[in-house]
Amino acid sequence: MKIITPTSPNGSSIEVSPIRREDLGKVLIRCLPDGYRVEMLFKTQEIIGIGAWDGDKCIAQLHCYRLILPHGSADLWPAWSRPSYVDGVLNGCLSISGPVWCHACFHVGRSIESFAHSDEPDSRYFGRGIGTALAQASVRWAKEHDYEAVIAPGTPDGLFSFSVLAGGLPWTTYQKLGFTDETFETYDDLPEWAQDNGPPEVMKEVELVLAKGRPKRELHSKLMVLRLKNA
């Protein structure tokens, strides 16, 4: 697997590294506003995810969580930010036993500085391989810390605006990183977010892909799994 080295808009290298307690004052903790949860995550898994740094500014984050399968607990994962796959994997749908490293959401182009002025991400950081680099660093962490697998929600291919909104990587990107599709649910209709509930730019993408004949079921995210040990 080729390791991605992303670059900033000015051409300098983006550094990618785990987010540790000493980084908290520099990192936008967008989906973990509860200080108690943040502290408990540090105690149980050492880091709260992976960050990307443009110089001394953190410009992207991947929030990650440790779960124990099967029948573990997701109590530290705020209910409003949990991917839909969590309940299923905690009920034994993957035939995996032991600790797994889970991807929650990516926030590329978001920093403490930018968030002070707008909730919109800095699009100059899009398309530079930053999300892929965060995912690769997360996989390395999981391998080095004896996890059974890495689990992630893969957003639909070709729906960039939705991936930004959902804070995810396309399932096709995960596939290139060695993940396999282990989706345990089947769908016939559009996902709820695509039923006239999304921002205009997202709904425009949905209209375009449906007009080209894409089946509605392909607009659902997939459960992508990278097993790190032999079954």
Protein backbone atom coordinates (compact mmCIF):
# COMPACT_ATOMS: atom_id res chain seq x y z
CA MET A 1 0.00 0.00 0.00
CA LYS A 2 1.53 3.28 -1.13
CA ILE A 3 1.76 5.76 1.74
CA ILE A 4 0.17 9.09 0.85
CA THR A 5 2.13 12.25 1.70
CA PRO A 6 -0.30 15.15 1.29
CA THR A 7 0.73 18.74 0.65
CA SER A 8 -0.71 22.04 1.81
CA PRO A 9 -2.04 24.74 -0.56
CA ASN A 10 1.39 26.40 -0.48
CA GLY A 11 3.16 23.17 -1.40
CA SER A 12 4.64 22.27 1.97
CA SER A 13 4.20 18.79 3.44
CA ILE A 14 1.25 18.02 5.68
CA GLU A 15 2.30 16.07 8.77
CA VAL A 16 -0.05 13.36 10.03
CA SER A 17 0.11 12.04 13.60
CA PRO A 18 -2.04 10.68 16.46
CA ILE A 19 -3.96 13.25 18.52
CA ARG A 20 -2.72 13.02 22.12
CA ARG A 21 -3.76 14.87 25.24
CA GLU A 22 -1.04 17.50 24.80
CA ASP A 23 -2.54 18.42 21.40
CA LEU A 24 -5.97 19.35 22.77
CA GLY A 25 -5.46 23.10 22.79
CA LYS A 26 -4.59 23.03 19.07
CA VAL A 27 -7.21 20.60 17.77
CA LEU A 28 -10.84 21.32 16.92
CA ILE A 29 -12.78 18.66 18.83
CA ARG A 30 -15.85 19.04 16.66
CA CYS A 31 -17.78 15.87 17.52
CA LEU A 32 -16.72 15.36 21.12
CA PRO A 33 -17.83 18.47 23.04
CA ASP A 34 -18.11 16.56 26.31
CA GLY A 35 -14.84 16.92 28.21
CA TYR A 36 -15.59 13.84 30.31
CA ARG A 37 -15.87 11.66 27.20
CA VAL A 38 -12.65 13.07 25.78
CA GLU A 39 -10.77 12.31 28.98
CA MET A 40 -12.17 8.78 29.18
CA LEU A 41 -11.17 8.12 25.58
CA PHE A 42 -7.59 9.10 26.38
CA LYS A 43 -7.62 6.70 29.32
CA THR A 44 -9.03 3.76 27.37
CA GLN A 45 -7.32 4.16 23.97
CA GLU A 46 -4.40 6.64 24.41
CA ILE A 47 -5.47 8.88 21.52
CA ILE A 48 -8.76 10.31 20.25
CA GLY A 49 -7.88 9.97 16.59
CA ILE A 50 -5.48 11.23 13.94
CA GLY A 51 -4.67 14.85 13.05
CA ALA A 52 -3.15 16.53 10.01
CA TRP A 53 -0.89 19.51 10.55
CA ASP A 54 -0.01 22.39 8.25
CA GLY A 55 2.96 23.74 10.17
CA ASP A 56 1.73 24.19 13.75
CA LYS A 57 -1.95 24.36 12.73
CA CYS A 58 -4.16 21.28 12.84
CA ILE A 59 -6.24 21.46 9.65
CA ALA A 60 -7.93 18.04 9.67
CA GLN A 61 -9.01 15.40 12.15
CA LEU A 62 -10.21 11.80 12.05
CA HIS A 63 -12.08 10.84 15.22
CA CYS A 64 -11.60 7.19 16.21
CA TYR A 65 -13.03 4.88 18.85
CA ARG A 66 -12.09 1.57 20.40
CA LEU A 67 -14.83 -1.05 20.71
CA ILE A 68 -14.70 -4.57 22.07
CA LEU A 69 -16.60 -7.12 19.97
CA PRO A 70 -19.00 -8.68 20.33
CA HIS A 71 -21.44 -7.08 22.77
CA GLY A 72 -19.17 -4.28 23.95
CA SER A 73 -20.22 -0.78 24.91
CA ALA A 74 -20.37 2.41 22.89
CA ASP A 75 -21.16 4.62 25.88
CA LEU A 76 -18.24 6.97 25.20
CA TRP A 77 -19.46 7.53 21.66
CA PRO A 78 -22.05 10.37 21.70
CA ALA A 79 -25.30 8.96 20.32
CA TRP A 80 -25.79 11.90 17.95
CA SER A 81 -22.45 11.27 16.22
CA ARG A 82 -22.41 7.46 16.03
CA PRO A 83 -22.30 5.91 12.54
CA SER A 84 -25.25 3.62 11.93
CA TYR A 85 -23.05 0.53 11.83
CA VAL A 86 -22.25 0.60 15.56
CA ASP A 87 -25.30 -1.27 16.85
CA GLY A 88 -24.87 -3.99 14.26
CA VAL A 89 -21.23 -4.71 14.92
CA LEU A 90 -21.87 -4.75 18.67
CA ASN A 91 -24.43 -7.47 18.08
CA GLY A 92 -22.00 -9.86 16.42
CA CYS A 93 -22.64 -9.23 12.74
CA LEU A 94 -18.92 -9.43 11.83
CA SER A 95 -17.83 -12.62 13.59
CA ILE A 96 -14.94 -10.71 15.16
CA SER A 97 -13.99 -11.07 18.80
CA GLY A 98 -11.73 -8.58 20.55
CA PRO A 99 -10.77 -4.91 20.22
CA VAL A 100 -11.54 -3.11 16.96
CA TRP A 101 -10.56 0.39 15.90
CA CYS A 102 -13.48 2.36 14.48
CA HIS A 103 -13.55 5.44 12.28
CA ALA A 104 -16.23 7.96 13.19
CA CYS A 105 -15.82 11.11 11.08
CA PHE A 106 -13.28 13.12 9.10
CA HIS A 107 -13.11 16.90 9.20
CA VAL A 108 -10.73 18.11 6.50
CA GLY A 109 -10.10 21.85 6.21
CA ARG A 110 -11.38 22.57 9.71
CA SER A 111 -9.21 24.18 12.34
CA ILE A 112 -9.71 26.11 15.55
CA GLU A 113 -8.84 29.29 13.65
CA SER A 114 -11.29 28.73 10.79
CA PHE A 115 -14.11 27.60 13.09
CA ALA A 116 -13.91 30.91 14.94
CA HIS A 117 -15.15 32.63 11.77
CA SER A 118 -17.25 30.03 9.96
CA ASP A 119 -18.53 26.49 10.17
CA GLU A 120 -17.58 25.97 6.53
CA PRO A 121 -14.39 23.97 5.86
CA ASP A 122 -11.45 25.52 4.04
CA SER A 123 -11.84 23.92 0.62
CA ARG A 124 -8.20 24.64 -0.29
CA TYR A 125 -7.37 21.47 1.64
CA PHE A 126 -9.74 19.28 -0.39
CA GLY A 127 -8.39 16.89 -3.02
CA ARG A 128 -4.89 16.73 -1.52
CA GLY A 129 -4.98 13.21 -0.15
CA ILE A 130 -5.38 14.37 3.44
CA GLY A 131 -8.33 12.11 4.23
CA THR A 132 -6.55 9.09 2.77
CA ALA A 133 -3.41 9.91 4.75
CA LEU A 134 -5.45 10.13 7.96
CA ALA A 135 -6.98 6.72 7.24
CA GLN A 136 -3.58 5.17 6.53
CA ALA A 137 -2.15 6.55 9.77
CA SER A 138 -5.14 5.18 11.64
CA VAL A 139 -4.55 1.71 10.17
CA ARG A 140 -0.90 1.87 11.23
CA TRP A 141 -1.96 2.77 14.77
CA ALA A 142 -4.37 -0.16 14.89
CA LYS A 143 -1.73 -2.60 13.65
CA GLU A 144 0.84 -1.35 16.15
CA HIS A 145 -1.63 -1.61 19.06
CA ASP A 146 -2.88 -5.14 18.48
CA TYR A 147 -6.37 -4.45 17.18
CA GLU A 148 -8.32 -7.19 15.42
CA ALA A 149 -9.67 -4.95 12.68
CA VAL A 150 -10.36 -1.42 11.51
CA ILE A 151 -14.01 -0.63 10.78
CA ALA A 152 -15.27 2.39 8.87
CA PRO A 153 -18.37 3.70 7.09
CA GLY A 154 -17.59 4.18 3.39
CA THR A 155 -19.69 6.90 1.78
CA PRO A 156 -21.13 6.43 -1.74
CA ASP A 157 -18.67 6.87 -4.57
CA GLY A 158 -19.05 10.03 -6.65
CA LEU A 159 -20.94 12.04 -4.03
CA PHE A 160 -18.22 14.40 -2.85
CA SER A 161 -20.54 16.94 -1.21
CA PHE A 162 -22.20 14.23 0.84
CA SER A 163 -18.81 12.84 1.92
CA VAL A 164 -17.88 16.32 3.19
CA LEU A 165 -21.24 16.68 4.96
CA ALA A 166 -21.05 13.22 6.53
CA GLY A 167 -17.36 13.44 7.36
CA GLY A 168 -16.45 10.27 5.52
CA LEU A 169 -14.31 8.70 2.83
CA PRO A 170 -15.86 6.97 -0.21
CA TRP A 171 -16.01 3.21 0.09
CA THR A 172 -13.91 2.99 -3.06
CA THR A 173 -11.07 4.78 -1.26
CA TYR A 174 -11.23 2.26 1.57
CA GLN A 175 -11.24 -0.53 -0.99
CA LYS A 176 -7.95 0.78 -2.42
CA LEU A 177 -6.53 0.67 1.12
CA GLY A 178 -7.35 -3.04 1.41
CA PHE A 179 -10.73 -2.84 3.14
CA THR A 180 -13.57 -5.12 2.07
CA ASP A 181 -17.30 -4.44 1.96
CA GLU A 182 -18.97 -6.34 4.81
CA THR A 183 -22.27 -4.47 4.80
CA PHE A 184 -24.82 -6.50 6.73
CA GLU A 185 -27.93 -4.56 5.72
CA THR A 186 -29.76 -4.51 2.37
CA TYR A 187 -31.55 -1.52 0.88
CA ASP A 188 -34.03 -0.88 -1.90
CA ASP A 189 -34.84 2.78 -1.41
CA LEU A 190 -32.92 6.01 -0.98
CA PRO A 191 -31.26 6.73 2.36
CA GLU A 192 -33.10 9.22 4.52
CA TRP A 193 -30.55 11.99 3.93
CA ALA A 194 -31.17 11.79 0.16
CA GLN A 195 -34.95 12.21 0.44
CA ASP A 196 -35.00 15.99 0.02
CA ASN A 197 -33.41 16.53 3.43
CA GLY A 198 -29.88 17.56 2.46
CA PRO A 199 -28.20 20.85 1.55
CA PRO A 200 -28.69 22.04 -2.06
CA GLU A 201 -25.23 20.96 -3.23
CA VAL A 202 -25.79 17.45 -1.87
CA MET A 203 -29.24 17.12 -3.39
CA LYS A 204 -27.92 18.31 -6.76
CA GLU A 205 -25.38 15.46 -6.75
CA VAL A 206 -28.13 12.99 -5.87
CA GLU A 207 -30.26 14.22 -8.78
CA LEU A 208 -27.35 13.90 -11.20
CA VAL A 209 -26.38 10.33 -10.28
CA LEU A 210 -30.01 9.15 -10.27
CA ALA A 211 -30.54 10.74 -13.67
CA LYS A 212 -27.60 8.68 -14.94
CA GLY A 213 -29.33 5.52 -13.81
CA ARG A 214 -27.56 4.72 -10.56
CA PRO A 215 -29.69 2.36 -8.42
CA LYS A 216 -31.05 3.92 -5.25
CA ARG A 217 -29.39 1.24 -3.11
CA GLU A 218 -25.96 2.50 -4.23
CA LEU A 219 -26.51 5.79 -2.41
CA HIS A 220 -26.19 4.05 0.94
CA SER A 221 -22.89 3.95 2.81
CA LYS A 222 -21.09 0.63 3.14
CA LEU A 223 -19.50 -1.05 6.12
CA MET A 224 -15.82 -1.32 5.24
CA VAL A 225 -13.62 -3.67 7.26
CA LEU A 226 -9.88 -4.30 7.29
CA ARG A 227 -9.11 -7.46 9.25
CA LEU A 228 -5.64 -7.25 10.71
CA LYS A 229 -5.28 -10.83 11.90
CA ASN A 230 -6.04 -14.25 10.53
CA ALA A 231 -9.53 -15.45 11.27
